[in-house]
PDB file of N, CA and C in Angstrom:
ATOM      1  N   MET A   1      -0.349 -32.249  16.105  1.00  0.00           N
ATOM      2  CA  MET A   1      -1.324 -32.088  14.983  1.00  0.00           C
ATOM      3  C   MET A   1      -1.459 -30.755  15.219  1.00  0.00           C
ATOM      4  N   THR A   2      -0.887 -29.713  14.047  1.00  0.00           N
ATOM      5  CA  THR A   2      -1.545 -28.384  14.611  1.00  0.00           C
ATOM      6  C   THR A   2      -2.650 -27.970  13.217  1.00  0.00           C
ATOM      7  N   ARG A   3      -3.638 -27.525  13.224  1.00  0.00           N
ATOM      8  CA  ARG A   3      -4.677 -27.227  12.202  1.00  0.00           C
ATOM      9  C   ARG A   3      -5.074 -25.792  12.716  1.00  0.00           C
ATOM     10  N   LEU A   4      -5.156 -25.274  11.276  1.00  0.00           N
ATOM     11  CA  LEU A   4      -5.291 -23.684  11.026  1.00  0.00           C
ATOM     12  C   LEU A   4      -7.176 -23.672  10.861  1.00  0.00           C
ATOM     13  N   PHE A   5      -7.723 -22.822  11.057  1.00  0.00           N
ATOM     14  CA  PHE A   5      -9.381 -22.501  11.621  1.00  0.00           C
ATOM     15  C   PHE A   5      -9.498 -23.336  11.268  1.00  0.00           C
ATOM     16  N   ASP A   6      -9.623 -24.912  11.412  1.00  0.00           N
ATOM     17  CA  ASP A   6     -10.429 -25.904  11.479  1.00  0.00           C
ATOM     18  C   ASP A   6     -10.648 -26.260  12.994  1.00  0.00           C
ATOM     19  N   GLU A   7     -11.091 -25.776  13.387  1.00  0.00           N
ATOM     20  CA  GLU A   7     -11.266 -26.336  14.946  1.00  0.00           C
ATOM     21  C   GLU A   7     -12.273 -27.709  15.210  1.00  0.00           C
ATOM     22  N   ALA A   8     -11.674 -28.579  15.492  1.00  0.00           N
ATOM     23  CA  ALA A   8     -12.382 -30.103  15.709  1.00  0.00           C
ATOM     24  C   ALA A   8     -13.686 -30.212  16.248  1.00  0.00           C
ATOM     25  N   PRO A   9     -14.203 -29.343  17.274  1.00  0.00           N
ATOM     26  CA  PRO A   9     -15.958 -29.757  17.510  1.00  0.00           C
ATOM     27  C   PRO A   9     -16.608 -29.190  16.530  1.00  0.00           C
ATOM     28  N   SER A  10     -16.231 -28.853  15.407  1.00  0.00           N
ATOM     29  CA  SER A  10     -17.071 -28.177  14.099  1.00  0.00           C
ATOM     30  C   SER A  10     -17.688 -29.227  13.987  1.00  0.00           C
ATOM     31  N   SER A  11     -16.977 -30.071  13.678  1.00  0.00           N
ATOM     32  CA  SER A  11     -17.227 -31.698  12.975  1.00  0.00           C
ATOM     33  C   SER A  11     -17.941 -32.413  13.759  1.00  0.00           C
ATOM     34  N   THR A  12     -18.576 -32.584  14.834  1.00  0.00           N
ATOM     35  CA  THR A  12     -19.410 -33.507  15.759  1.00  0.00           C
ATOM     36  C   THR A  12     -20.742 -32.825  16.066  1.00  0.00           C
ATOM     37  N   SER A  13     -21.962 -32.984  16.357  1.00  0.00           N
ATOM     38  CA  SER A  13     -22.903 -32.810  16.917  1.00  0.00           C
ATOM     39  C   SER A  13     -23.368 -32.424  18.475  1.00  0.00           C
ATOM     40  N   ASP A  14     -22.368 -33.647  18.719  1.00  0.00           N
ATOM     41  CA  ASP A  14     -21.724 -32.494  20.722  1.00  0.00           C
ATOM     42  C   ASP A  14     -21.310 -31.675  20.837  1.00  0.00           C
ATOM     43  N   VAL A  15     -20.527 -30.508  19.961  1.00  0.00           N
ATOM     44  CA  VAL A  15     -20.093 -29.585  19.730  1.00  0.00           C
ATOM     45  C   VAL A  15     -19.840 -29.571  18.488  1.00  0.00           C
ATOM     46  N   ALA A  16     -20.519 -27.963  18.615  1.00  0.00           N
ATOM     47  CA  ALA A  16     -20.776 -27.097  17.536  1.00  0.00           C
ATOM     48  C   ALA A  16     -20.085 -25.173  17.582  1.00  0.00           C
ATOM     49  N   MET A  17     -19.240 -24.968  16.884  1.00  0.00           N
ATOM     50  CA  MET A  17     -18.792 -24.012  16.474  1.00  0.00           C
ATOM     51  C   MET A  17     -19.342 -23.511  15.056  1.00  0.00           C
ATOM     52  N   GLN A  18     -19.726 -22.355  15.451  1.00  0.00           N
ATOM     53  CA  GLN A  18     -20.200 -21.532  13.906  1.00  0.00           C
ATOM     54  C   GLN A  18     -19.317 -20.040  14.247  1.00  0.00           C
ATOM     55  N   TRP A  19     -18.628 -19.655  13.276  1.00  0.00           N
ATOM     56  CA  TRP A  19     -17.971 -19.101  13.404  1.00  0.00           C
ATOM     57  C   TRP A  19     -18.310 -17.842  12.363  1.00  0.00           C
ATOM     58  N   LEU A  20     -17.944 -16.972  13.503  1.00  0.00           N
ATOM     59  CA  LEU A  20     -18.794 -15.191  12.954  1.00  0.00           C
ATOM     60  C   LEU A  20     -17.977 -14.242  12.364  1.00  0.00           C
ATOM     61  N   MET A  21     -16.585 -14.381  12.550  1.00  0.00           N
ATOM     62  CA  MET A  21     -15.742 -13.552  12.272  1.00  0.00           C
ATOM     63  C   MET A  21     -14.094 -14.418  12.522  1.00  0.00           C
ATOM     64  N   ASP A  22     -12.992 -14.537  11.302  1.00  0.00           N
ATOM     65  CA  ASP A  22     -12.027 -14.692  11.529  1.00  0.00           C
ATOM     66  C   ASP A  22     -11.241 -14.060   9.753  1.00  0.00           C
ATOM     67  N   ASP A  23      -9.773 -14.239   9.934  1.00  0.00           N
ATOM     68  CA  ASP A  23      -9.393 -14.076   8.689  1.00  0.00           C
ATOM     69  C   ASP A  23      -9.774 -14.757   7.133  1.00  0.00           C
ATOM     70  N   GLY A  24     -10.540 -15.956   7.944  1.00  0.00           N
ATOM     71  CA  GLY A  24     -10.980 -16.204   6.278  1.00  0.00           C
ATOM     72  C   GLY A  24     -12.318 -15.942   6.417  1.00  0.00           C
ATOM     73  N   ILE A  25     -13.344 -15.543   6.503  1.00  0.00           N
ATOM     74  CA  ILE A  25     -14.331 -14.570   6.405  1.00  0.00           C
ATOM     75  C   ILE A  25     -13.795 -12.458   6.060  1.00  0.00           C
ATOM     76  N   GLU A  26     -13.408 -12.830   7.147  1.00  0.00           N
ATOM     77  CA  GLU A  26     -12.965 -11.247   6.317  1.00  0.00           C
ATOM     78  C   GLU A  26     -11.256 -10.994   6.362  1.00  0.00           C
ATOM     79  N   GLU A  27     -11.213 -10.968   5.291  1.00  0.00           N
ATOM     80  CA  GLU A  27      -9.606 -10.778   5.416  1.00  0.00           C
ATOM     81  C   GLU A  27      -8.692  -9.912   5.974  1.00  0.00           C
ATOM     82  N   GLY A  28      -7.206 -10.270   7.286  1.00  0.00           N
ATOM     83  CA  GLY A  28      -7.080  -9.173   7.891  1.00  0.00           C
ATOM     84  C   GLY A  28      -7.925  -8.378   8.559  1.00  0.00           C
ATOM     85  N   ALA A  29      -8.679  -9.559   8.961  1.00  0.00           N
ATOM     86  CA  ALA A  29      -9.431  -9.390  10.548  1.00  0.00           C
ATOM     87  C   ALA A  29      -8.619  -9.471  11.887  1.00  0.00           C
ATOM     88  N   ASP A  30      -7.779 -10.160  12.244  1.00  0.00           N
ATOM     89  CA  ASP A  30      -6.701  -9.808  12.778  1.00  0.00           C
ATOM     90  C   ASP A  30      -7.407 -10.511  14.383  1.00  0.00           C
ATOM     91  N   LEU A  31      -8.764 -10.846  14.477  1.00  0.00           N
ATOM     92  CA  LEU A  31      -9.232 -11.395  15.667  1.00  0.00           C
ATOM     93  C   LEU A  31     -10.187 -13.097  15.196  1.00  0.00           C
ATOM     94  N   SER A  32     -10.739 -13.585  16.065  1.00  0.00           N
ATOM     95  CA  SER A  32     -11.562 -14.554  15.791  1.00  0.00           C
ATOM     96  C   SER A  32     -13.065 -14.473  16.428  1.00  0.00           C
ATOM     97  N   LEU A  33     -14.051 -14.489  16.355  1.00  0.00           N
ATOM     98  CA  LEU A  33     -15.272 -15.199  16.627  1.00  0.00           C
ATOM     99  C   LEU A  33     -16.198 -15.963  16.371  1.00  0.00           C
ATOM    100  N   ALA A  34     -16.434 -16.544  17.825  1.00  0.00           N
ATOM    101  CA  ALA A  34     -17.468 -18.169  17.209  1.00  0.00           C
ATOM    102  C   ALA A  34     -18.950 -17.914  18.385  1.00  0.00           C
ATOM    103  N   LYS A  35     -19.315 -18.822  17.477  1.00  0.00           N
ATOM    104  CA  LYS A  35     -20.497 -19.358  19.181  1.00  0.00           C
ATOM    105  C   LYS A  35     -20.249 -20.717  19.219  1.00  0.00           C
ATOM    106  N   MET A  36     -20.269 -21.032  20.214  1.00  0.00           N
ATOM    107  CA  MET A  36     -19.945 -22.651  20.958  1.00  0.00           C
ATOM    108  C   MET A  36     -21.029 -23.053  21.776  1.00  0.00           C
ATOM    109  N   THR A  37     -21.470 -24.225  20.792  1.00  0.00           N
ATOM    110  CA  THR A  37     -22.694 -24.820  21.430  1.00  0.00           C
ATOM    111  C   THR A  37     -22.129 -26.492  22.146  1.00  0.00           C
ATOM    112  N   VAL A  38     -22.192 -26.519  23.387  1.00  0.00           N
ATOM    113  CA  VAL A  38     -22.179 -28.076  23.834  1.00  0.00           C
ATOM    114  C   VAL A  38     -23.075 -28.580  24.622  1.00  0.00           C
ATOM    115  N   ALA A  39     -23.180 -29.683  23.806  1.00  0.00           N
ATOM    116  CA  ALA A  39     -24.453 -30.459  24.106  1.00  0.00           C
ATOM    117  C   ALA A  39     -24.592 -31.278  25.679  1.00  0.00           C
ATOM    118  N   PRO A  40     -25.172 -31.322  26.841  1.00  0.00           N
ATOM    119  CA  PRO A  40     -25.244 -31.402  28.036  1.00  0.00           C
ATOM    120  C   PRO A  40     -24.483 -33.050  28.422  1.00  0.00           C
ATOM    121  N   GLY A  41     -23.412 -33.257  29.609  1.00  0.00           N
ATOM    122  CA  GLY A  41     -22.735 -33.964  29.468  1.00  0.00           C
ATOM    123  C   GLY A  41     -21.631 -34.861  28.802  1.00  0.00           C
ATOM    124  N   VAL A  42     -20.987 -33.520  28.115  1.00  0.00           N
ATOM    125  CA  VAL A  42     -20.258 -33.732  27.126  1.00  0.00           C
ATOM    126  C   VAL A  42     -19.431 -32.756  27.369  1.00  0.00           C
ATOM    127  N   THR A  43     -18.210 -33.198  27.016  1.00  0.00           N
ATOM    128  CA  THR A  43     -16.888 -32.531  27.464  1.00  0.00           C
ATOM    129  C   THR A  43     -16.029 -32.129  25.933  1.00  0.00           C
ATOM    130  N   SER A  44     -15.597 -30.675  25.555  1.00  0.00           N
ATOM    131  CA  SER A  44     -15.031 -30.390  24.640  1.00  0.00           C
ATOM    132  C   SER A  44     -13.466 -31.620  24.471  1.00  0.00           C
ATOM    133  N   GLU A  45     -12.747 -31.093  23.393  1.00  0.00           N
ATOM    134  CA  GLU A  45     -11.554 -31.918  23.347  1.00  0.00           C
ATOM    135  C   GLU A  45     -10.620 -30.824  23.531  1.00  0.00           C
ATOM    136  N   ALA A  46      -9.237 -31.858  24.676  1.00  0.00           N
ATOM    137  CA  ALA A  46      -8.545 -30.665  25.238  1.00  0.00           C
ATOM    138  C   ALA A  46      -7.419 -30.460  24.047  1.00  0.00           C
ATOM    139  N   HIS A  47      -7.106 -29.108  23.841  1.00  0.00           N
ATOM    140  CA  HIS A  47      -6.285 -28.106  23.182  1.00  0.00           C
ATOM    141  C   HIS A  47      -5.713 -27.082  23.654  1.00  0.00           C
ATOM    142  N   ARG A  48      -4.902 -26.271  22.336  1.00  0.00           N
ATOM    143  CA  ARG A  48      -3.952 -25.027  23.031  1.00  0.00           C
ATOM    144  C   ARG A  48      -3.951 -24.231  21.426  1.00  0.00           C
ATOM    145  N   HIS A  49      -3.882 -23.187  21.742  1.00  0.00           N
ATOM    146  CA  HIS A  49      -3.439 -22.000  20.712  1.00  0.00           C
ATOM    147  C   HIS A  49      -2.614 -21.456  21.214  1.00  0.00           C
ATOM    148  N   PRO A  50      -1.117 -22.010  20.678  1.00  0.00           N
ATOM    149  CA  PRO A  50      -0.035 -21.461  20.817  1.00  0.00           C
ATOM    150  C   PRO A  50       0.291 -20.122  20.236  1.00  0.00           C
ATOM    151  N   ASP A  51      -0.569 -20.057  19.546  1.00  0.00           N
ATOM    152  CA  ASP A  51      -0.672 -17.654  19.129  1.00  0.00           C
ATOM    153  C   ASP A  51      -1.778 -17.149  19.259  1.00  0.00           C
ATOM    154  N   CYS A  52      -2.463 -17.473  20.398  1.00  0.00           N
ATOM    155  CA  CYS A  52      -3.316 -16.123  20.601  1.00  0.00           C
ATOM    156  C   CYS A  52      -3.918 -16.622  21.874  1.00  0.00           C
ATOM    157  N   SER A  53      -4.410 -15.679  22.541  1.00  0.00           N
ATOM    158  CA  SER A  53      -5.351 -15.887  24.334  1.00  0.00           C
ATOM    159  C   SER A  53      -6.777 -16.033  23.710  1.00  0.00           C
ATOM    160  N   GLU A  54      -7.581 -16.708  24.078  1.00  0.00           N
ATOM    161  CA  GLU A  54      -9.213 -16.951  24.262  1.00  0.00           C
ATOM    162  C   GLU A  54      -9.875 -16.491  25.478  1.00  0.00           C
ATOM    163  N   ALA A  55     -10.957 -15.171  25.071  1.00  0.00           N
ATOM    164  CA  ALA A  55     -11.841 -15.392  26.096  1.00  0.00           C
ATOM    165  C   ALA A  55     -13.232 -15.909  25.702  1.00  0.00           C
ATOM    166  N   ILE A  56     -13.684 -16.712  26.633  1.00  0.00           N
ATOM    167  CA  ILE A  56     -15.110 -17.580  26.653  1.00  0.00           C
ATOM    168  C   ILE A  56     -15.877 -16.309  27.556  1.00  0.00           C
ATOM    169  N   HIS A  57     -17.468 -16.583  27.037  1.00  0.00           N
ATOM    170  CA  HIS A  57     -18.250 -15.737  27.955  1.00  0.00           C
ATOM    171  C   HIS A  57     -19.412 -16.801  27.844  1.00  0.00           C
ATOM    172  N   VAL A  58     -20.269 -16.897  28.916  1.00  0.00           N
ATOM    173  CA  VAL A  58     -21.328 -18.281  28.731  1.00  0.00           C
ATOM    174  C   VAL A  58     -21.984 -17.403  28.556  1.00  0.00           C
ATOM    175  N   LEU A  59     -22.949 -17.038  27.187  1.00  0.00           N
ATOM    176  CA  LEU A  59     -24.364 -16.860  26.848  1.00  0.00           C
ATOM    177  C   LEU A  59     -25.374 -17.749  28.298  1.00  0.00           C
ATOM    178  N   CYS A  60     -25.748 -18.527  27.787  1.00  0.00           N
ATOM    179  CA  CYS A  60     -26.525 -19.557  28.817  1.00  0.00           C
ATOM    180  C   CYS A  60     -25.719 -20.589  29.255  1.00  0.00           C
ATOM    181  N   GLY A  61     -26.444 -21.263  30.254  1.00  0.00           N
ATOM    182  CA  GLY A  61     -25.755 -22.700  30.867  1.00  0.00           C
ATOM    183  C   GLY A  61     -25.239 -22.323  31.607  1.00  0.00           C
ATOM    184  N   ARG A  62     -24.605 -23.828  32.050  1.00  0.00           N
ATOM    185  CA  ARG A  62     -23.562 -23.677  32.863  1.00  0.00           C
ATOM    186  C   ARG A  62     -22.528 -25.198  32.839  1.00  0.00           C
ATOM    187  N   VAL A  63     -21.416 -24.308  33.353  1.00  0.00           N
ATOM    188  CA  VAL A  63     -19.805 -24.946  32.868  1.00  0.00           C
ATOM    189  C   VAL A  63     -18.732 -25.277  33.250  1.00  0.00           C
ATOM    190  N   GLU A  64     -17.922 -26.585  33.049  1.00  0.00           N
ATOM    191  CA  GLU A  64     -16.538 -26.155  33.648  1.00  0.00           C
ATOM    192  C   GLU A  64     -15.663 -25.745  33.103  1.00  0.00           C
ATOM    193  N   GLN A  65     -15.248 -24.650  32.986  1.00  0.00           N
ATOM    194  CA  GLN A  65     -13.835 -24.598  31.984  1.00  0.00           C
ATOM    195  C   GLN A  65     -12.244 -25.306  32.689  1.00  0.00           C
ATOM    196  N   ARG A  66     -11.529 -25.645  31.823  1.00  0.00           N
ATOM    197  CA  ARG A  66     -10.225 -26.121  31.768  1.00  0.00           C
ATOM    198  C   ARG A  66      -9.480 -25.075  31.772  1.00  0.00           C
ATOM    199  N   ARG A  67      -8.554 -24.558  32.557  1.00  0.00           N
ATOM    200  CA  ARG A  67      -8.279 -23.819  32.057  1.00  0.00           C
ATOM    201  C   ARG A  67      -6.051 -24.053  32.899  1.00  0.00           C
ATOM    202  N   GLY A  68      -5.493 -24.528  32.141  1.00  0.00           N
ATOM    203  CA  GLY A  68      -4.359 -25.120  32.706  1.00  0.00           C
ATOM    204  C   GLY A  68      -4.535 -26.545  33.593  1.00  0.00           C
ATOM    205  N   GLU A  69      -4.365 -26.496  34.229  1.00  0.00           N
ATOM    206  CA  GLU A  69      -4.271 -27.621  35.385  1.00  0.00           C
ATOM    207  C   GLU A  69      -5.743 -27.253  36.329  1.00  0.00           C
ATOM    208  N   GLU A  70      -6.637 -25.703  36.135  1.00  0.00           N
ATOM    209  CA  GLU A  70      -7.368 -26.114  37.155  1.00  0.00           C
ATOM    210  C   GLU A  70      -8.808 -25.906  36.243  1.00  0.00           C
ATOM    211  N   TRP A  71      -9.681 -26.187  37.091  1.00  0.00           N
ATOM    212  CA  TRP A  71     -11.189 -26.348  36.234  1.00  0.00           C
ATOM    213  C   TRP A  71     -12.036 -25.264  37.034  1.00  0.00           C
ATOM    214  N   VAL A  72     -12.676 -24.732  36.485  1.00  0.00           N
ATOM    215  CA  VAL A  72     -13.602 -22.778  36.910  1.00  0.00           C
ATOM    216  C   VAL A  72     -14.965 -23.014  36.636  1.00  0.00           C
ATOM    217  N   GLU A  73     -15.745 -23.162  37.314  1.00  0.00           N
ATOM    218  CA  GLU A  73     -17.474 -23.618  37.366  1.00  0.00           C
ATOM    219  C   GLU A  73     -17.497 -22.033  36.601  1.00  0.00           C
ATOM    220  N   LEU A  74     -18.496 -22.075  35.762  1.00  0.00           N
ATOM    221  CA  LEU A  74     -19.170 -20.895  35.021  1.00  0.00           C
ATOM    222  C   LEU A  74     -20.841 -20.811  34.616  1.00  0.00           C
ATOM    223  N   ALA A  75     -21.350 -20.215  34.655  1.00  0.00           N
ATOM    224  CA  ALA A  75     -22.694 -19.923  34.510  1.00  0.00           C
ATOM    225  C   ALA A  75     -23.317 -18.333  33.292  1.00  0.00           C
ATOM    226  N   ALA A  76     -24.181 -18.555  32.607  1.00  0.00           N
ATOM    227  CA  ALA A  76     -24.257 -17.214  32.319  1.00  0.00           C
ATOM    228  C   ALA A  76     -24.288 -16.063  32.444  1.00  0.00           C
ATOM    229  N   GLY A  77     -23.419 -15.474  31.982  1.00  0.00           N
ATOM    230  CA  GLY A  77     -22.886 -14.202  32.438  1.00  0.00           C
ATOM    231  C   GLY A  77     -21.361 -14.181  32.486  1.00  0.00           C
ATOM    232  N   ASP A  78     -20.721 -14.923  32.859  1.00  0.00           N
ATOM    233  CA  ASP A  78     -19.465 -15.767  33.157  1.00  0.00           C
ATOM    234  C   ASP A  78     -18.021 -15.184  32.048  1.00  0.00           C
ATOM    235  N   THR A  79     -16.990 -14.900  32.806  1.00  0.00           N
ATOM    236  CA  THR A  79     -16.610 -14.443  31.930  1.00  0.00           C
ATOM    237  C   THR A  79     -14.826 -15.745  32.028  1.00  0.00           C
ATOM    238  N   ILE A  80     -14.056 -16.067  31.461  1.00  0.00           N
ATOM    239  CA  ILE A  80     -13.236 -16.224  31.295  1.00  0.00           C
ATOM    240  C   ILE A  80     -12.108 -15.872  30.501  1.00  0.00           C
ATOM    241  N   LEU A  81     -10.339 -15.936  30.856  1.00  0.00           N
ATOM    242  CA  LEU A  81      -9.162 -15.597  30.082  1.00  0.00           C
ATOM    243  C   LEU A  81      -8.721 -17.130  29.724  1.00  0.00           C
ATOM    244  N   ILE A  82      -8.458 -17.611  28.635  1.00  0.00           N
ATOM    245  CA  ILE A  82      -7.417 -18.538  28.506  1.00  0.00           C
ATOM    246  C   ILE A  82      -6.302 -18.028  27.957  1.00  0.00           C
ATOM    247  N   PRO A  83      -5.233 -17.687  28.784  1.00  0.00           N
ATOM    248  CA  PRO A  83      -3.874 -17.462  28.213  1.00  0.00           C
ATOM    249  C   PRO A  83      -2.909 -18.381  26.677  1.00  0.00           C
ATOM    250  N   ASN A  84      -2.576 -17.338  26.007  1.00  0.00           N
ATOM    251  CA  ASN A  84      -1.614 -18.174  24.684  1.00  0.00           C
ATOM    252  C   ASN A  84      -1.457 -19.560  25.423  1.00  0.00           C
ATOM    253  N   ASP A  85      -0.918 -20.531  24.162  1.00  0.00           N
ATOM    254  CA  ASP A  85      -0.448 -21.683  25.150  1.00  0.00           C
ATOM    255  C   ASP A  85      -0.904 -22.392  26.038  1.00  0.00           C
ATOM    256  N   THR A  86      -2.109 -21.970  26.755  1.00  0.00           N
ATOM    257  CA  THR A  86      -2.480 -23.131  27.807  1.00  0.00           C
ATOM    258  C   THR A  86      -3.586 -24.081  27.861  1.00  0.00           C
ATOM    259  N   PRO A  87      -3.242 -25.027  27.929  1.00  0.00           N
ATOM    260  CA  PRO A  87      -4.075 -26.241  27.990  1.00  0.00           C
ATOM    261  C   PRO A  87      -5.633 -25.933  28.083  1.00  0.00           C
ATOM    262  N   HIS A  88      -6.756 -26.193  27.664  1.00  0.00           N
ATOM    263  CA  HIS A  88      -8.255 -25.824  27.863  1.00  0.00           C
ATOM    264  C   HIS A  88      -8.904 -26.611  27.195  1.00  0.00           C
ATOM    265  N   GLN A  89     -10.581 -26.981  28.174  1.00  0.00           N
ATOM    266  CA  GLN A  89     -11.376 -27.428  27.141  1.00  0.00           C
ATOM    267  C   GLN A  89     -12.969 -27.091  28.280  1.00  0.00           C
ATOM    268  N   THR A  90     -13.675 -27.729  27.647  1.00  0.00           N
ATOM    269  CA  THR A  90     -15.106 -26.609  28.066  1.00  0.00           C
ATOM    270  C   THR A  90     -15.817 -28.416  28.532  1.00  0.00           C
ATOM    271  N   ARG A  91     -16.577 -28.832  29.564  1.00  0.00           N
ATOM    272  CA  ARG A  91     -17.293 -29.615  30.303  1.00  0.00           C
ATOM    273  C   ARG A  91     -18.817 -28.802  30.528  1.00  0.00           C
ATOM    274  N   ASN A  92     -19.809 -29.621  29.779  1.00  0.00           N
ATOM    275  CA  ASN A  92     -21.268 -28.930  29.686  1.00  0.00           C
ATOM    276  C   ASN A  92     -22.245 -29.448  31.169  1.00  0.00           C
ATOM    277  N   LEU A  93     -21.934 -29.233  32.368  1.00  0.00           N
ATOM    278  CA  LEU A  93     -22.471 -29.242  33.734  1.00  0.00           C
ATOM    279  C   LEU A  93     -23.814 -29.291  33.213  1.00  0.00           C
ATOM    280  N   GLY A  94     -24.756 -29.012  32.631  1.00  0.00           N
ATOM    281  CA  GLY A  94     -26.103 -29.051  33.201  1.00  0.00           C
ATOM    282  C   GLY A  94     -27.159 -29.759  31.819  1.00  0.00           C
ATOM    283  N   ALA A  95     -28.508 -30.018  32.045  1.00  0.00           N
ATOM    284  CA  ALA A  95     -29.251 -30.796  31.383  1.00  0.00           C
ATOM    285  C   ALA A  95     -30.145 -30.296  29.913  1.00  0.00           C
ATOM    286  N   GLU A  96     -29.336 -28.944  29.666  1.00  0.00           N
ATOM    287  CA  GLU A  96     -29.317 -28.495  28.108  1.00  0.00           C
ATOM    288  C   GLU A  96     -28.210 -27.905  27.972  1.00  0.00           C
ATOM    289  N   PRO A  97     -27.986 -27.419  26.758  1.00  0.00           N
ATOM    290  CA  PRO A  97     -27.234 -27.303  25.591  1.00  0.00           C
ATOM    291  C   PRO A  97     -26.282 -26.221  26.153  1.00  0.00           C
ATOM    292  N   ALA A  98     -24.991 -26.005  26.196  1.00  0.00           N
ATOM    293  CA  ALA A  98     -24.269 -24.748  26.631  1.00  0.00           C
ATOM    294  C   ALA A  98     -24.236 -24.093  25.117  1.00  0.00           C
ATOM    295  N   VAL A  99     -24.570 -22.309  25.745  1.00  0.00           N
ATOM    296  CA  VAL A  99     -23.796 -21.808  24.548  1.00  0.00           C
ATOM    297  C   VAL A  99     -23.016 -20.789  24.679  1.00  0.00           C
ATOM    298  N   LEU A 100     -21.749 -20.789  24.224  1.00  0.00           N
ATOM    299  CA  LEU A 100     -21.008 -19.717  24.412  1.00  0.00           C
ATOM    300  C   LEU A 100     -20.341 -18.648  23.211  1.00  0.00           C
ATOM    301  N   MET A 101     -20.001 -17.547  23.875  1.00  0.00           N
ATOM    302  CA  MET A 101     -19.588 -16.886  23.217  1.00  0.00           C
ATOM    303  C   MET A 101     -17.688 -16.649  23.256  1.00  0.00           C
ATOM    304  N   ILE A 102     -17.257 -17.242  22.293  1.00  0.00           N
ATOM    305  CA  ILE A 102     -15.539 -17.305  21.757  1.00  0.00           C
ATOM    306  C   ILE A 102     -14.890 -16.077  21.262  1.00  0.00           C
ATOM    307  N   ALA A 103     -13.402 -15.222  21.821  1.00  0.00           N
ATOM    308  CA  ALA A 103     -12.907 -14.367  21.094  1.00  0.00           C
ATOM    309  C   ALA A 103     -11.580 -14.838  21.007  1.00  0.00           C
ATOM    310  N   TYR A 104     -10.915 -14.575  19.987  1.00  0.00           N
ATOM    311  CA  TYR A 104      -9.215 -14.947  19.852  1.00  0.00           C
ATOM    312  C   TYR A 104      -8.913 -13.416  19.267  1.00  0.00           C
ATOM    313  N   SER A 105      -7.464 -13.464  19.985  1.00  0.00           N
ATOM    314  CA  SER A 105      -7.014 -12.274  19.594  1.00  0.00           C
ATOM    315  C   SER A 105      -5.986 -12.694  18.264  1.00  0.00           C
ATOM    316  N   SER A 106      -6.432 -13.785  17.748  1.00  0.00           N
ATOM    317  CA  SER A 106      -6.058 -14.090  15.742  1.00  0.00           C
ATOM    318  C   SER A 106      -6.862 -14.125  15.423  1.00  0.00           C
ATOM    319  N   GLY A 107      -6.572 -13.441  14.190  1.00  0.00           N
ATOM    320  CA  GLY A 107      -7.375 -14.062  12.710  1.00  0.00           C
ATOM    321  C   GLY A 107      -7.783 -15.584  12.268  1.00  0.00           C
ATOM    322  N   SER A 108      -6.007 -16.000  12.748  1.00  0.00           N
ATOM    323  CA  SER A 108      -5.927 -17.750  12.337  1.00  0.00           C
ATOM    324  C   SER A 108      -5.525 -17.984  13.451  1.00  0.00           C
ATOM    325  N   ARG A 109      -6.186 -18.510  13.699  1.00  0.00           N
ATOM    326  CA  ARG A 109      -5.801 -19.328  14.986  1.00  0.00           C
ATOM    327  C   ARG A 109      -4.806 -20.726  14.960  1.00  0.00           C
ATOM    328  N   ILE A 110      -4.040 -20.978  15.519  1.00  0.00           N
ATOM    329  CA  ILE A 110      -3.176 -22.240  15.272  1.00  0.00           C
ATOM    330  C   ILE A 110      -4.090 -22.900  16.154  1.00  0.00           C
ATOM    331  N   TYR A 111      -4.330 -24.423  16.052  1.00  0.00           N
ATOM    332  CA  TYR A 111      -5.051 -25.304  17.127  1.00  0.00           C
ATOM    333  C   TYR A 111      -4.695 -26.776  17.315  1.00  0.00           C
ATOM    334  N   GLU A 112      -4.254 -26.639  18.268  1.00  0.00           N
ATOM    335  CA  GLU A 112      -2.889 -28.361  18.763  1.00  0.00           C
ATOM    336  C   GLU A 112      -3.830 -28.840  19.837  1.00  0.00           C
ATOM    337  N   PRO A 113      -4.695 -29.946  19.514  1.00  0.00           N
ATOM    338  CA  PRO A 113      -4.567 -31.324  20.369  1.00  0.00           C
ATOM    339  C   PRO A 113      -3.916 -31.527  21.601  1.00  0.00           C
ATOM    340  N   VAL A 114      -4.872 -31.711  22.799  1.00  0.00           N
ATOM    341  CA  VAL A 114      -3.520 -31.763  23.454  1.00  0.00           C
ATOM    342  C   VAL A 114      -3.799 -33.412  24.581  1.00  0.00           C
ATOM    343  N   THR A 115      -2.973 -34.261  24.469  1.00  0.00           N
ATOM    344  CA  THR A 115      -3.229 -35.694  24.945  1.00  0.00           C
ATOM    345  C   THR A 115      -3.065 -35.978  26.836  1.00  0.00           C
TER     346      THR A 115
END
């Protein structure tokens, strides 16, 4: 299944997306920016974006970030790039919510769940 704009995590309280910028907010934005909050012990849905890359910056907390087949541990201040069409997901390793700033190279991302 492919979705535009509607990122699955925005529909649960365990993983929340606050959209700050995309083509739906500002026509022709050509980028997307969101703040993502992941509850303690939660892992987001595995997915990919075939039309854009994604930069993830950890504002607070400690997470493991899946990028393809590898898992990379990140803490506040760390940033990782997810190339386009690469399966990825985020796991909160801490006892407090993790907060991440996420930038996409497209204003109208395609979201494809990975099984």
